[in-house]
Amino acid sequence: MPAKKRQPLVILYTGNGKGKTTAALGLLLRAWGRGMKVCMLSFIKETTANFGEERAARRLDIELIPLGGGFTWLSKDLEQDKALARQCWDLCKEKIASGAYDVVVLDEITYPITYGWLDVDEVIVTLRDRPPNLHIVITGRDAHKKLIDFADLVTEMREVKHPFTSGIKAQPGVDF
């Protein structure tokens, strides 16, 4: 029986609720479990990040690359954050164009687009011109309308209740 032909998708997880990166990681793990070549590039997480997902990715030999400077909204050097975002985008373009992957996740790319550090039209051209059969997953709050219109699947995470508002701090294994 011949293999089913794949329809490449652009999947967007956005909204102010928790779970966008977690959803992308779930999809990444599912694809990896099917023998697909996967990669995730993170625009916000620091290059030294050692959260649970980085630890798991190393154990599973999954390519997960944190290339940011941390929470940019707390930054003392926005020019450095802008440069890091451009570096991350350059690596993303390289990974996308390589043809070596079945799934590439652009984690938290909506932030540098919202801040004007990356041009949404350039991002869309890169996604449109990607190799055949490459799925792209995009995450982050406040997705640009052009990204929403371009994506094949858009899921909005909506916060209903969050423990942080009750004074419960982020916890290992649940939040990081």
N, C-alpha and C. Protein backbone atom coordinates (compact mmCIF):
# COMPACT_ATOMS: atom_id res chain seq x y z
N MET A 1 0.85 -1.19 0.00
CA MET A 1 0.00 0.00 0.00
C MET A 1 0.89 1.24 0.00
N PRO A 2 0.70 2.17 -0.95
CA PRO A 2 1.54 3.37 -0.99
C PRO A 2 1.28 4.28 0.22
N ALA A 3 2.33 5.02 0.59
CA ALA A 3 2.20 5.95 1.72
C ALA A 3 1.23 7.06 1.35
N LYS A 4 0.45 7.49 2.34
CA LYS A 4 -0.48 8.59 2.11
C LYS A 4 0.31 9.87 1.89
N LYS A 5 -0.15 10.66 0.94
CA LYS A 5 0.49 11.94 0.66
C LYS A 5 0.11 12.92 1.76
N ARG A 6 1.09 13.65 2.22
CA ARG A 6 0.89 14.60 3.31
C ARG A 6 0.55 15.98 2.77
N GLN A 7 -0.39 16.63 3.42
CA GLN A 7 -0.72 18.02 3.12
C GLN A 7 -0.04 18.89 4.16
N PRO A 8 0.98 19.66 3.77
CA PRO A 8 1.69 20.47 4.76
C PRO A 8 0.78 21.55 5.34
N LEU A 9 0.88 21.73 6.66
CA LEU A 9 0.03 22.68 7.36
C LEU A 9 0.85 23.74 8.08
N VAL A 10 0.25 24.90 8.24
CA VAL A 10 0.76 25.91 9.15
C VAL A 10 -0.25 25.96 10.30
N ILE A 11 0.23 25.66 11.50
CA ILE A 11 -0.60 25.56 12.69
C ILE A 11 -0.20 26.67 13.64
N LEU A 12 -1.18 27.41 14.13
CA LEU A 12 -0.93 28.55 15.01
C LEU A 12 -1.65 28.35 16.33
N TYR A 13 -0.88 28.40 17.43
CA TYR A 13 -1.45 28.39 18.78
C TYR A 13 -1.22 29.78 19.36
N THR A 14 -2.30 30.50 19.65
CA THR A 14 -2.19 31.86 20.14
C THR A 14 -3.18 32.08 21.28
N GLY A 15 -3.27 33.29 21.79
CA GLY A 15 -4.20 33.63 22.85
C GLY A 15 -3.48 33.92 24.16
N ASN A 16 -4.24 34.41 25.14
CA ASN A 16 -3.61 34.79 26.40
C ASN A 16 -3.61 33.67 27.43
N GLY A 17 -4.12 32.51 27.08
CA GLY A 17 -4.13 31.38 28.01
C GLY A 17 -2.85 30.57 27.95
N LYS A 18 -2.64 29.79 28.98
CA LYS A 18 -1.47 28.91 29.09
C LYS A 18 -1.65 27.70 28.16
N GLY A 19 -0.55 27.21 27.63
CA GLY A 19 -0.61 25.95 26.89
C GLY A 19 -0.20 26.00 25.44
N LYS A 20 0.21 27.15 24.93
CA LYS A 20 0.58 27.25 23.51
C LYS A 20 1.84 26.45 23.20
N THR A 21 2.88 26.68 23.98
CA THR A 21 4.12 25.93 23.77
C THR A 21 3.91 24.45 24.10
N THR A 22 3.14 24.18 25.13
CA THR A 22 2.86 22.80 25.52
C THR A 22 2.14 22.06 24.39
N ALA A 23 1.19 22.71 23.73
CA ALA A 23 0.49 22.10 22.60
C ALA A 23 1.47 21.82 21.46
N ALA A 24 2.36 22.78 21.19
CA ALA A 24 3.36 22.59 20.13
C ALA A 24 4.28 21.42 20.47
N LEU A 25 4.69 21.33 21.73
CA LEU A 25 5.55 20.23 22.16
C LEU A 25 4.84 18.89 22.03
N GLY A 26 3.55 18.86 22.33
CA GLY A 26 2.78 17.63 22.16
C GLY A 26 2.74 17.19 20.71
N LEU A 27 2.52 18.13 19.80
CA LEU A 27 2.52 17.82 18.37
C LEU A 27 3.91 17.36 17.93
N LEU A 28 4.94 18.04 18.43
CA LEU A 28 6.32 17.68 18.09
C LEU A 28 6.63 16.25 18.53
N LEU A 29 6.23 15.92 19.74
CA LEU A 29 6.47 14.57 20.28
C LEU A 29 5.69 13.53 19.48
N ARG A 30 4.47 13.84 19.10
CA ARG A 30 3.66 12.93 18.29
C ARG A 30 4.35 12.67 16.94
N ALA A 31 4.83 13.74 16.30
CA ALA A 31 5.50 13.58 15.01
C ALA A 31 6.80 12.79 15.16
N TRP A 32 7.57 13.10 16.21
CA TRP A 32 8.82 12.37 16.48
C TRP A 32 8.53 10.89 16.69
N GLY A 33 7.44 10.59 17.39
CA GLY A 33 7.05 9.21 17.63
C GLY A 33 6.69 8.46 16.36
N ARG A 34 6.33 9.21 15.32
CA ARG A 34 6.02 8.62 14.00
C ARG A 34 7.25 8.58 13.10
N GLY A 35 8.41 8.87 13.69
CA GLY A 35 9.64 8.79 12.91
C GLY A 35 9.92 10.02 12.07
N MET A 36 9.21 11.10 12.33
CA MET A 36 9.42 12.32 11.57
C MET A 36 10.58 13.11 12.16
N LYS A 37 11.28 13.85 11.33
CA LYS A 37 12.39 14.72 11.76
C LYS A 37 11.79 16.04 12.20
N VAL A 38 12.08 16.42 13.46
CA VAL A 38 11.46 17.60 14.05
C VAL A 38 12.50 18.55 14.62
N CYS A 39 12.10 19.81 14.74
CA CYS A 39 12.97 20.85 15.30
C CYS A 39 12.09 21.93 15.89
N MET A 40 12.52 22.47 17.03
CA MET A 40 11.81 23.58 17.66
C MET A 40 12.80 24.68 17.98
N LEU A 41 12.49 25.89 17.56
CA LEU A 41 13.33 27.06 17.84
C LEU A 41 12.51 28.03 18.68
N SER A 42 13.09 28.45 19.80
CA SER A 42 12.36 29.32 20.74
C SER A 42 12.93 30.72 20.73
N PHE A 43 12.06 31.70 20.50
CA PHE A 43 12.46 33.09 20.39
C PHE A 43 12.63 33.79 21.73
N ILE A 44 12.02 33.30 22.79
CA ILE A 44 12.08 33.98 24.08
C ILE A 44 12.99 33.26 25.06
N LYS A 45 12.91 31.95 25.12
CA LYS A 45 13.69 31.21 26.11
C LYS A 45 15.18 31.45 25.92
N GLU A 46 15.87 31.69 27.03
CA GLU A 46 17.30 32.00 27.00
C GLU A 46 18.11 30.84 26.44
N THR A 47 19.23 31.18 25.85
CA THR A 47 20.11 30.16 25.26
C THR A 47 20.58 29.16 26.32
N THR A 48 20.57 29.56 27.58
CA THR A 48 20.99 28.67 28.67
C THR A 48 19.81 27.95 29.31
N ALA A 49 18.63 28.02 28.71
CA ALA A 49 17.42 27.43 29.28
C ALA A 49 17.63 25.95 29.60
N ASN A 50 17.13 25.55 30.74
CA ASN A 50 17.24 24.16 31.17
C ASN A 50 15.93 23.71 31.80
N PHE A 51 14.81 24.11 31.16
CA PHE A 51 13.50 23.73 31.64
C PHE A 51 13.26 22.26 31.35
N GLY A 52 12.16 21.74 31.82
CA GLY A 52 11.83 20.33 31.62
C GLY A 52 11.82 19.91 30.17
N GLU A 53 11.30 20.78 29.30
CA GLU A 53 11.24 20.41 27.88
C GLU A 53 12.62 20.31 27.25
N GLU A 54 13.56 21.17 27.67
CA GLU A 54 14.94 21.07 27.16
C GLU A 54 15.59 19.77 27.65
N ARG A 55 15.36 19.45 28.90
CA ARG A 55 15.93 18.22 29.47
C ARG A 55 15.38 16.98 28.75
N ALA A 56 14.07 16.96 28.54
CA ALA A 56 13.46 15.82 27.84
C ALA A 56 13.95 15.73 26.40
N ALA A 57 14.06 16.88 25.72
CA ALA A 57 14.50 16.89 24.33
C ALA A 57 15.91 16.31 24.21
N ARG A 58 16.79 16.66 25.15
CA ARG A 58 18.16 16.09 25.12
C ARG A 58 18.12 14.58 25.28
N ARG A 59 17.30 14.08 26.19
CA ARG A 59 17.20 12.63 26.41
C ARG A 59 16.65 11.90 25.19
N LEU A 60 15.72 12.55 24.50
CA LEU A 60 15.08 11.93 23.33
C LEU A 60 15.82 12.24 22.04
N ASP A 61 16.87 13.04 22.11
CA ASP A 61 17.61 13.48 20.94
C ASP A 61 16.72 14.24 19.96
N ILE A 62 15.90 15.13 20.52
CA ILE A 62 15.04 16.01 19.73
C ILE A 62 15.71 17.38 19.71
N GLU A 63 15.77 17.97 18.54
CA GLU A 63 16.42 19.27 18.38
C GLU A 63 15.50 20.39 18.88
N LEU A 64 15.85 20.96 20.03
CA LEU A 64 15.10 22.06 20.64
C LEU A 64 16.11 23.15 20.95
N ILE A 65 15.96 24.29 20.29
CA ILE A 65 16.99 25.32 20.33
C ILE A 65 16.43 26.61 20.94
N PRO A 66 16.79 26.93 22.20
CA PRO A 66 16.39 28.21 22.78
C PRO A 66 17.39 29.30 22.35
N LEU A 67 16.88 30.38 21.75
CA LEU A 67 17.77 31.40 21.20
C LEU A 67 17.44 32.82 21.64
N GLY A 68 16.64 32.96 22.70
CA GLY A 68 16.23 34.28 23.12
C GLY A 68 17.05 34.79 24.29
N GLY A 69 16.55 35.88 24.86
CA GLY A 69 17.21 36.52 26.00
C GLY A 69 16.35 36.49 27.24
N GLY A 70 15.35 35.62 27.27
CA GLY A 70 14.44 35.58 28.41
C GLY A 70 13.22 36.43 28.13
N PHE A 71 12.49 36.75 29.15
CA PHE A 71 11.24 37.51 29.00
C PHE A 71 11.55 38.93 28.56
N THR A 72 11.35 39.22 27.28
CA THR A 72 11.74 40.50 26.70
C THR A 72 11.03 41.67 27.36
N TRP A 73 9.85 41.44 27.91
CA TRP A 73 9.13 42.54 28.54
C TRP A 73 9.78 42.96 29.85
N LEU A 74 10.77 42.19 30.33
CA LEU A 74 11.53 42.55 31.53
C LEU A 74 12.96 42.98 31.18
N SER A 75 13.25 43.06 29.91
CA SER A 75 14.62 43.29 29.44
C SER A 75 15.15 44.68 29.78
N LYS A 76 16.45 44.70 30.00
CA LYS A 76 17.15 45.98 30.19
C LYS A 76 17.91 46.37 28.92
N ASP A 77 17.93 45.48 27.92
CA ASP A 77 18.66 45.73 26.68
C ASP A 77 17.83 45.24 25.49
N LEU A 78 16.88 46.05 25.08
CA LEU A 78 16.00 45.66 23.98
C LEU A 78 16.73 45.51 22.66
N GLU A 79 17.80 46.27 22.46
CA GLU A 79 18.56 46.13 21.21
C GLU A 79 19.20 44.74 21.13
N GLN A 80 19.68 44.24 22.24
CA GLN A 80 20.24 42.89 22.29
C GLN A 80 19.14 41.86 22.00
N ASP A 81 17.96 42.06 22.59
CA ASP A 81 16.84 41.15 22.35
C ASP A 81 16.43 41.17 20.88
N LYS A 82 16.42 42.35 20.29
CA LYS A 82 16.09 42.49 18.87
C LYS A 82 17.11 41.74 18.01
N ALA A 83 18.39 41.87 18.34
CA ALA A 83 19.45 41.17 17.60
C ALA A 83 19.31 39.66 17.76
N LEU A 84 18.98 39.20 18.97
CA LEU A 84 18.78 37.77 19.20
C LEU A 84 17.60 37.25 18.38
N ALA A 85 16.52 38.04 18.31
CA ALA A 85 15.35 37.64 17.52
C ALA A 85 15.72 37.51 16.04
N ARG A 86 16.53 38.43 15.53
CA ARG A 86 16.97 38.35 14.12
C ARG A 86 17.84 37.11 13.91
N GLN A 87 18.74 36.84 14.86
CA GLN A 87 19.60 35.64 14.76
C GLN A 87 18.74 34.38 14.75
N CYS A 88 17.76 34.34 15.64
CA CYS A 88 16.88 33.18 15.71
C CYS A 88 16.12 33.04 14.39
N TRP A 89 15.62 34.14 13.84
CA TRP A 89 14.88 34.09 12.58
C TRP A 89 15.79 33.61 11.45
N ASP A 90 17.04 34.06 11.43
CA ASP A 90 17.97 33.59 10.39
C ASP A 90 18.16 32.08 10.48
N LEU A 91 18.29 31.56 11.71
CA LEU A 91 18.43 30.12 11.89
C LEU A 91 17.14 29.40 11.50
N CYS A 92 16.00 29.99 11.83
CA CYS A 92 14.71 29.41 11.44
C CYS A 92 14.63 29.27 9.92
N LYS A 93 14.98 30.34 9.21
CA LYS A 93 14.93 30.31 7.75
C LYS A 93 15.84 29.21 7.20
N GLU A 94 17.01 29.07 7.82
CA GLU A 94 17.96 28.04 7.41
C GLU A 94 17.37 26.64 7.62
N LYS A 95 16.80 26.41 8.79
CA LYS A 95 16.20 25.10 9.11
C LYS A 95 15.03 24.81 8.19
N ILE A 96 14.18 25.80 7.97
CA ILE A 96 13.01 25.63 7.10
C ILE A 96 13.45 25.30 5.68
N ALA A 97 14.40 26.04 5.14
CA ALA A 97 14.83 25.86 3.74
C ALA A 97 15.63 24.58 3.53
N SER A 98 16.18 24.02 4.59
CA SER A 98 17.08 22.87 4.46
C SER A 98 16.42 21.63 3.85
N GLY A 99 15.12 21.49 4.03
CA GLY A 99 14.46 20.29 3.54
C GLY A 99 14.71 19.08 4.43
N ALA A 100 15.37 19.27 5.56
CA ALA A 100 15.75 18.17 6.44
C ALA A 100 14.68 17.81 7.47
N TYR A 101 13.60 18.59 7.53
CA TYR A 101 12.62 18.40 8.60
C TYR A 101 11.22 18.14 8.05
N ASP A 102 10.43 17.48 8.88
CA ASP A 102 9.02 17.27 8.61
C ASP A 102 8.16 18.27 9.38
N VAL A 103 8.65 18.68 10.57
CA VAL A 103 7.94 19.64 11.42
C VAL A 103 8.96 20.62 12.00
N VAL A 104 8.68 21.91 11.87
CA VAL A 104 9.49 22.94 12.51
C VAL A 104 8.55 23.81 13.33
N VAL A 105 8.89 23.97 14.62
CA VAL A 105 8.12 24.81 15.52
C VAL A 105 8.84 26.14 15.70
N LEU A 106 8.11 27.23 15.52
CA LEU A 106 8.62 28.58 15.74
C LEU A 106 7.95 29.08 17.02
N ASP A 107 8.56 28.73 18.14
CA ASP A 107 7.97 29.00 19.45
C ASP A 107 8.12 30.47 19.83
N GLU A 108 7.00 31.10 20.13
CA GLU A 108 6.94 32.48 20.60
C GLU A 108 7.42 33.49 19.55
N ILE A 109 7.28 33.15 18.28
CA ILE A 109 7.69 34.08 17.21
C ILE A 109 6.74 35.27 17.13
N THR A 110 5.54 35.14 17.68
CA THR A 110 4.59 36.27 17.59
C THR A 110 5.11 37.50 18.33
N TYR A 111 5.91 37.31 19.38
CA TYR A 111 6.41 38.46 20.15
C TYR A 111 7.32 39.36 19.30
N PRO A 112 8.37 38.83 18.67
CA PRO A 112 9.20 39.73 17.85
C PRO A 112 8.45 40.31 16.65
N ILE A 113 7.42 39.63 16.19
CA ILE A 113 6.60 40.22 15.12
C ILE A 113 5.80 41.39 15.69
N THR A 114 5.17 41.18 16.84
CA THR A 114 4.39 42.24 17.48
C THR A 114 5.26 43.46 17.81
N TYR A 115 6.50 43.22 18.26
CA TYR A 115 7.40 44.31 18.63
C TYR A 115 7.99 45.01 17.41
N GLY A 116 7.75 44.47 16.20
CA GLY A 116 8.28 45.06 14.99
C GLY A 116 9.73 44.67 14.70
N TRP A 117 10.24 43.67 15.41
CA TRP A 117 11.62 43.22 15.20
C TRP A 117 11.73 42.29 13.99
N LEU A 118 10.63 41.62 13.66
CA LEU A 118 10.56 40.78 12.47
C LEU A 118 9.37 41.25 11.64
N ASP A 119 9.54 41.23 10.32
CA ASP A 119 8.49 41.66 9.42
C ASP A 119 7.54 40.50 9.14
N VAL A 120 6.27 40.67 9.44
CA VAL A 120 5.29 39.60 9.27
C VAL A 120 5.22 39.14 7.82
N ASP A 121 5.36 40.07 6.87
CA ASP A 121 5.30 39.69 5.46
C ASP A 121 6.49 38.80 5.07
N GLU A 122 7.67 39.11 5.60
CA GLU A 122 8.85 38.27 5.35
C GLU A 122 8.65 36.87 5.93
N VAL A 123 8.08 36.81 7.12
CA VAL A 123 7.82 35.51 7.75
C VAL A 123 6.86 34.71 6.89
N ILE A 124 5.79 35.34 6.43
CA ILE A 124 4.79 34.63 5.62
C ILE A 124 5.38 34.15 4.30
N VAL A 125 6.21 34.96 3.66
CA VAL A 125 6.87 34.54 2.41
C VAL A 125 7.72 33.29 2.66
N THR A 126 8.47 33.30 3.75
CA THR A 126 9.30 32.14 4.08
C THR A 126 8.44 30.90 4.31
N LEU A 127 7.34 31.07 5.01
CA LEU A 127 6.45 29.93 5.28
C LEU A 127 5.78 29.45 3.99
N ARG A 128 5.35 30.37 3.16
CA ARG A 128 4.69 30.02 1.90
C ARG A 128 5.65 29.27 0.97
N ASP A 129 6.91 29.68 0.96
CA ASP A 129 7.89 29.11 0.04
C ASP A 129 8.67 27.94 0.64
N ARG A 130 8.21 27.41 1.75
CA ARG A 130 8.91 26.31 2.41
C ARG A 130 8.90 25.05 1.54
N PRO A 131 9.81 24.11 1.84
CA PRO A 131 9.83 22.85 1.09
C PRO A 131 8.48 22.11 1.20
N PRO A 132 8.16 21.32 0.20
CA PRO A 132 6.90 20.58 0.26
C PRO A 132 6.91 19.60 1.43
N ASN A 133 5.76 19.35 1.98
CA ASN A 133 5.55 18.40 3.08
C ASN A 133 6.05 18.88 4.44
N LEU A 134 6.45 20.13 4.57
CA LEU A 134 6.94 20.64 5.85
C LEU A 134 5.80 21.31 6.61
N HIS A 135 5.50 20.75 7.78
CA HIS A 135 4.53 21.37 8.68
C HIS A 135 5.25 22.43 9.52
N ILE A 136 4.60 23.56 9.73
CA ILE A 136 5.13 24.63 10.57
C ILE A 136 4.14 24.86 11.71
N VAL A 137 4.67 24.97 12.93
CA VAL A 137 3.84 25.29 14.09
C VAL A 137 4.36 26.61 14.65
N ILE A 138 3.44 27.54 14.88
CA ILE A 138 3.75 28.87 15.39
C ILE A 138 3.06 29.04 16.73
N THR A 139 3.77 29.62 17.72
CA THR A 139 3.13 29.88 19.00
C THR A 139 3.36 31.32 19.43
N GLY A 140 2.51 31.79 20.33
CA GLY A 140 2.68 33.09 20.97
C GLY A 140 1.39 33.88 21.04
N ARG A 141 1.37 34.79 21.98
CA ARG A 141 0.21 35.67 22.17
C ARG A 141 0.12 36.70 21.05
N ASP A 142 -1.05 37.27 20.93
CA ASP A 142 -1.28 38.41 20.03
C ASP A 142 -0.80 38.17 18.60
N ALA A 143 -1.16 37.03 18.05
CA ALA A 143 -0.75 36.72 16.67
C ALA A 143 -1.27 37.79 15.72
N HIS A 144 -0.41 38.20 14.80
CA HIS A 144 -0.76 39.19 13.78
C HIS A 144 -1.90 38.63 12.92
N LYS A 145 -2.82 39.50 12.53
CA LYS A 145 -3.96 39.08 11.70
C LYS A 145 -3.50 38.38 10.43
N LYS A 146 -2.42 38.84 9.83
CA LYS A 146 -1.91 38.21 8.61
C LYS A 146 -1.49 36.76 8.87
N LEU A 147 -0.90 36.49 10.05
CA LEU A 147 -0.54 35.12 10.40
C LEU A 147 -1.78 34.27 10.61
N ILE A 148 -2.77 34.85 11.28
CA ILE A 148 -4.04 34.13 11.51
C ILE A 148 -4.68 33.77 10.18
N ASP A 149 -4.72 34.73 9.25
CA ASP A 149 -5.32 34.49 7.93
C ASP A 149 -4.53 33.46 7.14
N PHE A 150 -3.20 33.46 7.29
CA PHE A 150 -2.35 32.56 6.51
C PHE A 150 -2.40 31.12 7.02
N ALA A 151 -2.51 30.94 8.32
CA ALA A 151 -2.44 29.60 8.92
C ALA A 151 -3.61 28.73 8.47
N ASP A 152 -3.36 27.42 8.45
CA ASP A 152 -4.40 26.45 8.12
C ASP A 152 -5.24 26.09 9.34
N LEU A 153 -4.62 26.10 10.50
CA LEU A 153 -5.29 25.76 11.76
C LEU A 153 -4.89 26.81 12.79
N VAL A 154 -5.87 27.42 13.42
CA VAL A 154 -5.61 28.42 14.46
C VAL A 154 -6.39 28.00 15.70
N THR A 155 -5.66 27.86 16.80
CA THR A 155 -6.29 27.58 18.08
C THR A 155 -5.95 28.72 19.02
N GLU A 156 -6.98 29.28 19.63
CA GLU A 156 -6.77 30.36 20.59
C GLU A 156 -6.94 29.80 22.00
N MET A 157 -5.87 29.91 22.79
CA MET A 157 -5.91 29.51 24.19
C MET A 157 -6.49 30.69 24.98
N ARG A 158 -7.53 30.44 25.73
CA ARG A 158 -8.19 31.50 26.48
C ARG A 158 -8.07 31.20 27.96
N GLU A 159 -7.52 32.16 28.69
CA GLU A 159 -7.39 31.98 30.14
C GLU A 159 -8.75 32.12 30.80
N VAL A 160 -9.12 31.11 31.56
CA VAL A 160 -10.35 31.14 32.33
C VAL A 160 -9.99 31.35 33.80
N LYS A 161 -8.96 30.65 34.24
CA LYS A 161 -8.50 30.74 35.62
C LYS A 161 -7.04 30.33 35.64
N HIS A 162 -6.23 31.02 36.44
CA HIS A 162 -4.80 30.70 36.51
C HIS A 162 -4.36 30.76 37.97
N PRO A 163 -3.59 29.77 38.45
CA PRO A 163 -3.17 29.75 39.85
C PRO A 163 -2.30 30.95 40.24
N PHE A 164 -1.61 31.55 39.30
CA PHE A 164 -0.75 32.69 39.60
C PHE A 164 -1.55 33.84 40.22
N THR A 165 -2.80 34.02 39.76
CA THR A 165 -3.62 35.10 40.31
C THR A 165 -4.01 34.84 41.76
N SER A 166 -3.87 33.61 42.21
CA SER A 166 -4.12 33.26 43.62
C SER A 166 -2.84 33.20 44.43
N GLY A 167 -1.72 33.64 43.82
CA GLY A 167 -0.46 33.66 44.52
C GLY A 167 0.36 32.39 44.42
N ILE A 168 -0.06 31.45 43.58
CA ILE A 168 0.70 30.20 43.41
C ILE A 168 1.74 30.42 42.32
N LYS A 169 3.00 30.26 42.68
CA LYS A 169 4.10 30.48 41.74
C LYS A 169 4.23 29.31 40.77
N ALA A 170 4.91 29.58 39.63
CA ALA A 170 5.18 28.55 38.63
C ALA A 170 5.91 27.37 39.28
N GLN A 171 5.58 26.16 38.83
CA GLN A 171 6.11 24.95 39.45
C GLN A 171 6.84 24.07 38.43
N PRO A 172 7.97 23.47 38.88
CA PRO A 172 8.69 22.55 37.99
C PRO A 172 7.80 21.40 37.54
N GLY A 173 7.93 21.03 36.29
CA GLY A 173 7.17 19.91 35.76
C GLY A 173 5.77 20.28 35.29
N VAL A 174 5.25 21.40 35.78
CA VAL A 174 3.93 21.87 35.35
C VAL A 174 4.08 23.11 34.47
N ASP A 175 4.90 24.04 34.94
CA ASP A 175 5.06 25.32 34.25
C ASP A 175 6.39 25.47 33.55
N PHE A 176 7.38 24.72 33.96
CA PHE A 176 8.70 24.83 33.32
C PHE A 176 9.48 23.55 33.49
